[in-house]
Amino acid sequence: MRKQTIQYTSSLDALLAVAKRLSVYENHQKMDSEDFFYQYTQGVLSDDVLFIEWANDYRHYLALRQEIEQRLNYAA
């Protein structure tokens, strides 16, 4: 599998792109990302490639969201 790198012009653009990917996982697996991530980190779910990618995207989503929230709080 070849790794693809995408560059975004802003953290908000990146957040939206990751949120869209999370939505695809959620619709396919019939589970929201927060529930999935909890089960995954508790070892309930396997280390299937799909789950690893979903977990990585969710971690990225959380980091981006935190970054944007910090910027908004700083600007306020």
PDB file of N, CA and C in Angstrom:
ATOM      1  N   MET A   1       0.837  -1.171   0.000  1.00  0.00           N
ATOM      2  CA  MET A   1       0.000   0.000   0.000  1.00  0.00           C
ATOM      3  C   MET A   1       0.886   1.240   0.000  1.00  0.00           C
ATOM      4  N   ARG A   2       0.641   2.126  -0.911  1.00  0.00           N
ATOM      5  CA  ARG A   2       1.433   3.341  -1.036  1.00  0.00           C
ATOM      6  C   ARG A   2       0.819   4.445  -0.193  1.00  0.00           C
ATOM      7  N   LYS A   3       1.647   5.084   0.601  1.00  0.00           N
ATOM      8  CA  LYS A   3       1.193   6.160   1.460  1.00  0.00           C
ATOM      9  C   LYS A   3       1.016   7.432   0.644  1.00  0.00           C
ATOM     10  N   GLN A   4      -0.096   8.114   0.876  1.00  0.00           N
ATOM     11  CA  GLN A   4      -0.400   9.342   0.152  1.00  0.00           C
ATOM     12  C   GLN A   4      -0.334  10.521   1.121  1.00  0.00           C
ATOM     13  N   THR A   5       0.298  11.587   0.703  1.00  0.00           N
ATOM     14  CA  THR A   5       0.390  12.794   1.502  1.00  0.00           C
ATOM     15  C   THR A   5      -0.436  13.889   0.843  1.00  0.00           C
ATOM     16  N   ILE A   6      -1.311  14.493   1.642  1.00  0.00           N
ATOM     17  CA  ILE A   6      -2.135  15.585   1.154  1.00  0.00           C
ATOM     18  C   ILE A   6      -1.837  16.800   2.016  1.00  0.00           C
ATOM     19  N   GLN A   7      -1.638  17.948   1.372  1.00  0.00           N
ATOM     20  CA  GLN A   7      -1.402  19.182   2.115  1.00  0.00           C
ATOM     21  C   GLN A   7      -2.640  20.061   1.997  1.00  0.00           C
ATOM     22  N   TYR A   8      -3.034  20.636   3.125  1.00  0.00           N
ATOM     23  CA  TYR A   8      -4.199  21.507   3.163  1.00  0.00           C
ATOM     24  C   TYR A   8      -3.745  22.939   3.415  1.00  0.00           C
ATOM     25  N   THR A   9      -4.565  23.882   2.989  1.00  0.00           N
ATOM     26  CA  THR A   9      -4.213  25.284   3.150  1.00  0.00           C
ATOM     27  C   THR A   9      -4.499  25.788   4.563  1.00  0.00           C
ATOM     28  N   SER A  10      -5.338  25.070   5.304  1.00  0.00           N
ATOM     29  CA  SER A  10      -5.642  25.491   6.674  1.00  0.00           C
ATOM     30  C   SER A  10      -6.002  24.270   7.516  1.00  0.00           C
ATOM     31  N   SER A  11      -5.938  24.447   8.821  1.00  0.00           N
ATOM     32  CA  SER A  11      -6.333  23.392   9.744  1.00  0.00           C
ATOM     33  C   SER A  11      -7.813  23.077   9.593  1.00  0.00           C
ATOM     34  N   LEU A  12      -8.609  24.087   9.292  1.00  0.00           N
ATOM     35  CA  LEU A  12     -10.043  23.882   9.111  1.00  0.00           C
ATOM     36  C   LEU A  12     -10.317  23.005   7.886  1.00  0.00           C
ATOM     37  N   ASP A  13      -9.595  23.247   6.796  1.00  0.00           N
ATOM     38  CA  ASP A  13      -9.743  22.394   5.606  1.00  0.00           C
ATOM     39  C   ASP A  13      -9.372  20.948   5.926  1.00  0.00           C
ATOM     40  N   ALA A  14      -8.300  20.772   6.674  1.00  0.00           N
ATOM     41  CA  ALA A  14      -7.871  19.428   7.063  1.00  0.00           C
ATOM     42  C   ALA A  14      -8.914  18.765   7.956  1.00  0.00           C
ATOM     43  N   LEU A  15      -9.469  19.530   8.900  1.00  0.00           N
ATOM     44  CA  LEU A  15     -10.494  18.996   9.799  1.00  0.00           C
ATOM     45  C   LEU A  15     -11.713  18.525   9.017  1.00  0.00           C
ATOM     46  N   LEU A  16     -12.142  19.317   8.059  1.00  0.00           N
ATOM     47  CA  LEU A  16     -13.294  18.937   7.240  1.00  0.00           C
ATOM     48  C   LEU A  16     -13.019  17.671   6.435  1.00  0.00           C
ATOM     49  N   ALA A  17     -11.839  17.554   5.875  1.00  0.00           N
ATOM     50  CA  ALA A  17     -11.483  16.365   5.093  1.00  0.00           C
ATOM     51  C   ALA A  17     -11.462  15.116   5.978  1.00  0.00           C
ATOM     52  N   VAL A  18     -10.884  15.238   7.162  1.00  0.00           N
ATOM     53  CA  VAL A  18     -10.829  14.091   8.079  1.00  0.00           C
ATOM     54  C   VAL A  18     -12.238  13.739   8.551  1.00  0.00           C
ATOM     55  N   ALA A  19     -13.064  14.744   8.829  1.00  0.00           N
ATOM     56  CA  ALA A  19     -14.440  14.494   9.267  1.00  0.00           C
ATOM     57  C   ALA A  19     -15.227  13.740   8.192  1.00  0.00           C
ATOM     58  N   LYS A  20     -14.981  14.058   6.933  1.00  0.00           N
ATOM     59  CA  LYS A  20     -15.645  13.332   5.838  1.00  0.00           C
ATOM     60  C   LYS A  20     -15.211  11.872   5.822  1.00  0.00           C
ATOM     61  N   ARG A  21     -13.907  11.619   6.022  1.00  0.00           N
ATOM     62  CA  ARG A  21     -13.424  10.232   6.054  1.00  0.00           C
ATOM     63  C   ARG A  21     -14.036   9.485   7.235  1.00  0.00           C
ATOM     64  N   LEU A  22     -14.122  10.152   8.383  1.00  0.00           N
ATOM     65  CA  LEU A  22     -14.722   9.515   9.560  1.00  0.00           C
ATOM     66  C   LEU A  22     -16.177   9.158   9.281  1.00  0.00           C
ATOM     67  N   SER A  23     -16.885  10.020   8.589  1.00  0.00           N
ATOM     68  CA  SER A  23     -18.282   9.755   8.251  1.00  0.00           C
ATOM     69  C   SER A  23     -18.430   8.493   7.405  1.00  0.00           C
ATOM     70  N   VAL A  24     -17.499   8.290   6.495  1.00  0.00           N
ATOM     71  CA  VAL A  24     -17.531   7.082   5.654  1.00  0.00           C
ATOM     72  C   VAL A  24     -17.343   5.835   6.520  1.00  0.00           C
ATOM     73  N   TYR A  25     -16.353   5.867   7.421  1.00  0.00           N
ATOM     74  CA  TYR A  25     -16.142   4.737   8.336  1.00  0.00           C
ATOM     75  C   TYR A  25     -17.396   4.473   9.168  1.00  0.00           C
ATOM     76  N   GLU A  26     -17.969   5.541   9.708  1.00  0.00           N
ATOM     77  CA  GLU A  26     -19.135   5.412  10.590  1.00  0.00           C
ATOM     78  C   GLU A  26     -20.320   4.804   9.851  1.00  0.00           C
ATOM     79  N   ASN A  27     -20.579   5.267   8.642  1.00  0.00           N
ATOM     80  CA  ASN A  27     -21.692   4.726   7.854  1.00  0.00           C
ATOM     81  C   ASN A  27     -21.462   3.269   7.496  1.00  0.00           C
ATOM     82  N   HIS A  28     -20.235   2.938   7.149  1.00  0.00           N
ATOM     83  CA  HIS A  28     -19.913   1.570   6.754  1.00  0.00           C
ATOM     84  C   HIS A  28     -19.983   0.607   7.938  1.00  0.00           C
ATOM     85  N   GLN A  29     -19.504   1.037   9.089  1.00  0.00           N
ATOM     86  CA  GLN A  29     -19.427   0.168  10.267  1.00  0.00           C
ATOM     87  C   GLN A  29     -20.633   0.316  11.207  1.00  0.00           C
ATOM     88  N   LYS A  30     -21.513   1.262  10.920  1.00  0.00           N
ATOM     89  CA  LYS A  30     -22.715   1.512  11.748  1.00  0.00           C
ATOM     90  C   LYS A  30     -22.337   1.792  13.200  1.00  0.00           C
ATOM     91  N   MET A  31     -21.321   2.640  13.384  1.00  0.00           N
ATOM     92  CA  MET A  31     -20.822   2.984  14.716  1.00  0.00           C
ATOM     93  C   MET A  31     -20.190   4.370  14.626  1.00  0.00           C
ATOM     94  N   ASP A  32     -20.427   5.202  15.643  1.00  0.00           N
ATOM     95  CA  ASP A  32     -19.772   6.513  15.575  1.00  0.00           C
ATOM     96  C   ASP A  32     -18.311   6.383  15.995  1.00  0.00           C
ATOM     97  N   SER A  33     -17.520   7.353  15.589  1.00  0.00           N
ATOM     98  CA  SER A  33     -16.070   7.286  15.780  1.00  0.00           C
ATOM     99  C   SER A  33     -15.668   7.279  17.245  1.00  0.00           C
ATOM    100  N   GLU A  34     -16.387   8.013  18.076  1.00  0.00           N
ATOM    101  CA  GLU A  34     -16.051   8.052  19.494  1.00  0.00           C
ATOM    102  C   GLU A  34     -16.231   6.675  20.134  1.00  0.00           C
ATOM    103  N   ASP A  35     -17.347   6.007  19.844  1.00  0.00           N
ATOM    104  CA  ASP A  35     -17.571   4.652  20.368  1.00  0.00           C
ATOM    105  C   ASP A  35     -16.544   3.670  19.816  1.00  0.00           C
ATOM    106  N   PHE A  36     -16.299   3.789  18.501  1.00  0.00           N
ATOM    107  CA  PHE A  36     -15.295   2.927  17.886  1.00  0.00           C
ATOM    108  C   PHE A  36     -13.947   3.090  18.579  1.00  0.00           C
ATOM    109  N   PHE A  37     -13.507   4.334  18.759  1.00  0.00           N
ATOM    110  CA  PHE A  37     -12.182   4.592  19.302  1.00  0.00           C
ATOM    111  C   PHE A  37     -12.064   4.059  20.725  1.00  0.00           C
ATOM    112  N   TYR A  38     -13.112   4.213  21.504  1.00  0.00           N
ATOM    113  CA  TYR A  38     -13.086   3.680  22.866  1.00  0.00           C
ATOM    114  C   TYR A  38     -12.905   2.160  22.820  1.00  0.00           C
ATOM    115  N   GLN A  39     -13.704   1.485  22.012  1.00  0.00           N
ATOM    116  CA  GLN A  39     -13.601   0.026  21.917  1.00  0.00           C
ATOM    117  C   GLN A  39     -12.239  -0.396  21.372  1.00  0.00           C
ATOM    118  N   TYR A  40     -11.747   0.329  20.396  1.00  0.00           N
ATOM    119  CA  TYR A  40     -10.455   0.003  19.789  1.00  0.00           C
ATOM    120  C   TYR A  40      -9.331   0.137  20.809  1.00  0.00           C
ATOM    121  N   THR A  41      -9.324   1.223  21.562  1.00  0.00           N
ATOM    122  CA  THR A  41      -8.246   1.435  22.535  1.00  0.00           C
ATOM    123  C   THR A  41      -8.361   0.499  23.734  1.00  0.00           C
ATOM    124  N   GLN A  42      -9.547  -0.055  23.960  1.00  0.00           N
ATOM    125  CA  GLN A  42      -9.732  -1.026  25.039  1.00  0.00           C
ATOM    126  C   GLN A  42      -9.382  -2.450  24.587  1.00  0.00           C
ATOM    127  N   GLY A  43      -9.043  -2.620  23.316  1.00  0.00           N
ATOM    128  CA  GLY A  43      -8.672  -3.934  22.801  1.00  0.00           C
ATOM    129  C   GLY A  43      -9.851  -4.800  22.412  1.00  0.00           C
ATOM    130  N   VAL A  44     -11.044  -4.215  22.359  1.00  0.00           N
ATOM    131  CA  VAL A  44     -12.242  -4.971  22.001  1.00  0.00           C
ATOM    132  C   VAL A  44     -12.238  -5.308  20.511  1.00  0.00           C
ATOM    133  N   LEU A  45     -11.690  -4.411  19.698  1.00  0.00           N
ATOM    134  CA  LEU A  45     -11.665  -4.605  18.251  1.00  0.00           C
ATOM    135  C   LEU A  45     -10.270  -5.033  17.790  1.00  0.00           C
ATOM    136  N   SER A  46     -10.234  -5.694  16.661  1.00  0.00           N
ATOM    137  CA  SER A  46      -8.977  -6.218  16.131  1.00  0.00           C
ATOM    138  C   SER A  46      -8.089  -5.117  15.566  1.00  0.00           C
ATOM    139  N   ASP A  47      -6.887  -5.486  15.175  1.00  0.00           N
ATOM    140  CA  ASP A  47      -5.954  -4.566  14.539  1.00  0.00           C
ATOM    141  C   ASP A  47      -6.041  -4.681  13.020  1.00  0.00           C
ATOM    142  N   ASP A  48      -7.251  -4.823  12.538  1.00  0.00           N
ATOM    143  CA  ASP A  48      -7.518  -4.845  11.113  1.00  0.00           C
ATOM    144  C   ASP A  48      -7.041  -3.522  10.501  1.00  0.00           C
ATOM    145  N   VAL A  49      -6.564  -3.553   9.288  1.00  0.00           N
ATOM    146  CA  VAL A  49      -6.043  -2.354   8.623  1.00  0.00           C
ATOM    147  C   VAL A  49      -7.093  -1.241   8.622  1.00  0.00           C
ATOM    148  N   LEU A  50      -8.335  -1.577   8.367  1.00  0.00           N
ATOM    149  CA  LEU A  50      -9.403  -0.587   8.362  1.00  0.00           C
ATOM    150  C   LEU A  50      -9.506   0.108   9.722  1.00  0.00           C
ATOM    151  N   PHE A  51      -9.439  -0.665  10.798  1.00  0.00           N
ATOM    152  CA  PHE A  51      -9.540  -0.093  12.139  1.00  0.00           C
ATOM    153  C   PHE A  51      -8.323   0.763  12.486  1.00  0.00           C
ATOM    154  N   ILE A  52      -7.156   0.342  12.040  1.00  0.00           N
ATOM    155  CA  ILE A  52      -5.944   1.137  12.282  1.00  0.00           C
ATOM    156  C   ILE A  52      -6.060   2.490  11.578  1.00  0.00           C
ATOM    157  N   GLU A  53      -6.511   2.476  10.326  1.00  0.00           N
ATOM    158  CA  GLU A  53      -6.666   3.728   9.579  1.00  0.00           C
ATOM    159  C   GLU A  53      -7.733   4.610  10.216  1.00  0.00           C
ATOM    160  N   TRP A  54      -8.839   4.001  10.659  1.00  0.00           N
ATOM    161  CA  TRP A  54      -9.915   4.750  11.302  1.00  0.00           C
ATOM    162  C   TRP A  54      -9.408   5.383  12.595  1.00  0.00           C
ATOM    163  N   ALA A  55      -8.699   4.620  13.395  1.00  0.00           N
ATOM    164  CA  ALA A  55      -8.150   5.141  14.650  1.00  0.00           C
ATOM    165  C   ALA A  55      -7.175   6.286  14.387  1.00  0.00           C
ATOM    166  N   ASN A  56      -6.335   6.143  13.373  1.00  0.00           N
ATOM    167  CA  ASN A  56      -5.389   7.213  13.031  1.00  0.00           C
ATOM    168  C   ASN A  56      -6.120   8.474  12.570  1.00  0.00           C
ATOM    169  N   ASP A  57      -7.146   8.298  11.754  1.00  0.00           N
ATOM    170  CA  ASP A  57      -7.923   9.452  11.316  1.00  0.00           C
ATOM    171  C   ASP A  57      -8.627  10.110  12.501  1.00  0.00           C
ATOM    172  N   TYR A  58      -9.131   9.320  13.436  1.00  0.00           N
ATOM    173  CA  TYR A  58      -9.809   9.892  14.596  1.00  0.00           C
ATOM    174  C   TYR A  58      -8.819  10.644  15.485  1.00  0.00           C
ATOM    175  N   ARG A  59      -7.632  10.095  15.671  1.00  0.00           N
ATOM    176  CA  ARG A  59      -6.593  10.807  16.432  1.00  0.00           C
ATOM    177  C   ARG A  59      -6.244  12.145  15.755  1.00  0.00           C
ATOM    178  N   HIS A  60      -6.134  12.098  14.438  1.00  0.00           N
ATOM    179  CA  HIS A  60      -5.830  13.310  13.676  1.00  0.00           C
ATOM    180  C   HIS A  60      -6.959  14.326  13.836  1.00  0.00           C
ATOM    181  N   TYR A  61      -8.200  13.861  13.767  1.00  0.00           N
ATOM    182  CA  TYR A  61      -9.367  14.714  13.954  1.00  0.00           C
ATOM    183  C   TYR A  61      -9.327  15.398  15.322  1.00  0.00           C
ATOM    184  N   LEU A  62      -9.055  14.627  16.367  1.00  0.00           N
ATOM    185  CA  LEU A  62      -8.992  15.186  17.721  1.00  0.00           C
ATOM    186  C   LEU A  62      -7.894  16.243  17.842  1.00  0.00           C
ATOM    187  N   ALA A  63      -6.741  15.971  17.254  1.00  0.00           N
ATOM    188  CA  ALA A  63      -5.624  16.912  17.319  1.00  0.00           C
ATOM    189  C   ALA A  63      -5.958  18.204  16.566  1.00  0.00           C
ATOM    190  N   LEU A  64      -6.553  18.082  15.402  1.00  0.00           N
ATOM    191  CA  LEU A  64      -6.934  19.263  14.632  1.00  0.00           C
ATOM    192  C   LEU A  64      -7.990  20.086  15.361  1.00  0.00           C
ATOM    193  N   ARG A  65      -8.963  19.396  15.919  1.00  0.00           N
ATOM    194  CA  ARG A  65     -10.026  20.089  16.652  1.00  0.00           C
ATOM    195  C   ARG A  65      -9.458  20.849  17.845  1.00  0.00           C
ATOM    196  N   GLN A  66      -8.542  20.211  18.555  1.00  0.00           N
ATOM    197  CA  GLN A  66      -7.912  20.866  19.703  1.00  0.00           C
ATOM    198  C   GLN A  66      -7.117  22.094  19.254  1.00  0.00           C
ATOM    199  N   GLU A  67      -6.393  21.953  18.158  1.00  0.00           N
ATOM    200  CA  GLU A  67      -5.604  23.077  17.636  1.00  0.00           C
ATOM    201  C   GLU A  67      -6.508  24.255  17.285  1.00  0.00           C
ATOM    202  N   ILE A  68      -7.609  23.977  16.612  1.00  0.00           N
ATOM    203  CA  ILE A  68      -8.532  25.042  16.217  1.00  0.00           C
ATOM    204  C   ILE A  68      -9.180  25.674  17.445  1.00  0.00           C
ATOM    205  N   GLU A  69      -9.579  24.874  18.409  1.00  0.00           N
ATOM    206  CA  GLU A  69     -10.178  25.404  19.639  1.00  0.00           C
ATOM    207  C   GLU A  69      -9.197  26.308  20.383  1.00  0.00           C
ATOM    208  N   GLN A  70      -7.935  25.894  20.441  1.00  0.00           N
ATOM    209  CA  GLN A  70      -6.926  26.710  21.119  1.00  0.00           C
ATOM    210  C   GLN A  70      -6.746  28.048  20.405  1.00  0.00           C
ATOM    211  N   ARG A  71      -6.731  28.024  19.089  1.00  0.00           N
ATOM    212  CA  ARG A  71      -6.602  29.269  18.332  1.00  0.00           C
ATOM    213  C   ARG A  71      -7.791  30.188  18.575  1.00  0.00           C
ATOM    214  N   LEU A  72      -8.987  29.608  18.618  1.00  0.00           N
ATOM    215  CA  LEU A  72     -10.178  30.410  18.861  1.00  0.00           C
ATOM    216  C   LEU A  72     -10.185  31.002  20.267  1.00  0.00           C
ATOM    217  N   ASN A  73      -9.756  30.223  21.246  1.00  0.00           N
ATOM    218  CA  ASN A  73      -9.681  30.722  22.623  1.00  0.00           C
ATOM    219  C   ASN A  73      -8.630  31.803  22.762  1.00  0.00           C
ATOM    220  N   TYR A  74      -7.534  31.651  22.034  1.00  0.00           N
ATOM    221  CA  TYR A  74      -6.464  32.649  22.081  1.00  0.00           C
ATOM    222  C   TYR A  74      -6.923  33.955  21.456  1.00  0.00           C
ATOM    223  N   ALA A  75      -7.707  33.850  20.385  1.00  0.00           N
ATOM    224  CA  ALA A  75      -8.170  35.036  19.668  1.00  0.00           C
ATOM    225  C   ALA A  75      -9.283  35.764  20.426  1.00  0.00           C
ATOM    226  N   ALA A  76      -9.954  35.069  21.311  1.00  0.00           N
ATOM    227  CA  ALA A  76     -11.089  35.682  22.032  1.00  0.00           C
ATOM    228  C   ALA A  76     -10.665  36.639  23.097  1.00  0.00           C
TER     229      ALA A  76
END
